[in-house]
Amino acid sequence: MIPEWKIYPRSQGHSTVYLQNVVTDPAIQVGAYTIYDDFVNDPRDFQRNNVLYHYPECNHDRLIIGKYSSIACGAKFIFNAANHTLNSLSTYPFPIMFEEWGLGTACEDIATAWDNHGDIVVGNDVWIGYEAVILAGVTIGDGAIIGSRAVVTKDVPPYIIMNGNPAEYHGINAAVLQHKHQVSERVLRHIVNAYRLVYQGNFSVQDALQKIEDQVPMSDEIHNIINFIKNSKGIVK
């Protein structure tokens, strides 16, 4: 494990930090060896500059990031308080301006100003590119890659590459599967075929899952993909 005093992985440069050792907010959990690089601002200010509209005292929402993930300069995690509620007569955030309107000051009263979509969860060995935006409620699976300036509004299944605004499927992260997970060429083909059914087969998600279970030989990776999609509130399509 990384010693608590060790902030910078490289003694010659201080643009990259081990996030675990610079984050102090208990509502932000970061796994070992996950790094953040920032050549514009001090990377030690990650939780102030990159985790936005985050008021866990009202929402109890969390940012959870796994181990060995890499986050590039300017990536943003946009939390629930950015979501002005659509369940009121107005999108104006009256409950936040409680002094002006004589409204309740309790956290649960203030939180009615926005819609709560839940935590942001980032898996292990995820690469998030330059100025990508991850919205509240999104889960990113292990081994995924989020391209530069992608905007992620729904869950990203394991081992895939997402680019664009809104983010779209652009293939699988074969490198991490082959080199880190030591997946064979045969299993790699099975993963490609599984995601073809999901993203290129013109099936509903449920039908694609059924076809994966019926047609694709099972492995730990295929099992992980199936479970992720089954448990998701909605995946990027």
Foldseek 3Di string as FASTA:
>chain_A
DDPLVAFDPDPVDQQKGFQCNLDDDPLEAEEPPEMEGAPPDRVSCCCVQAEPPDDCQQVVAHEAAYEPEYEYHQEHEYAWNVAQDPPDPDSPQCQVVCVVVVDDDDSPSSVNRTDHLGYEAEYYHEYEEANEYEYGNEYEEAQEYEYHPEYDDFYHFHFFYWYDDPTDTDGGNVPCCCPVVVDDPLVVVLVRVLVCLVHVVPDDNVVSLVCSVVPGDDDPRSVSRSVPSVPTPDYHD
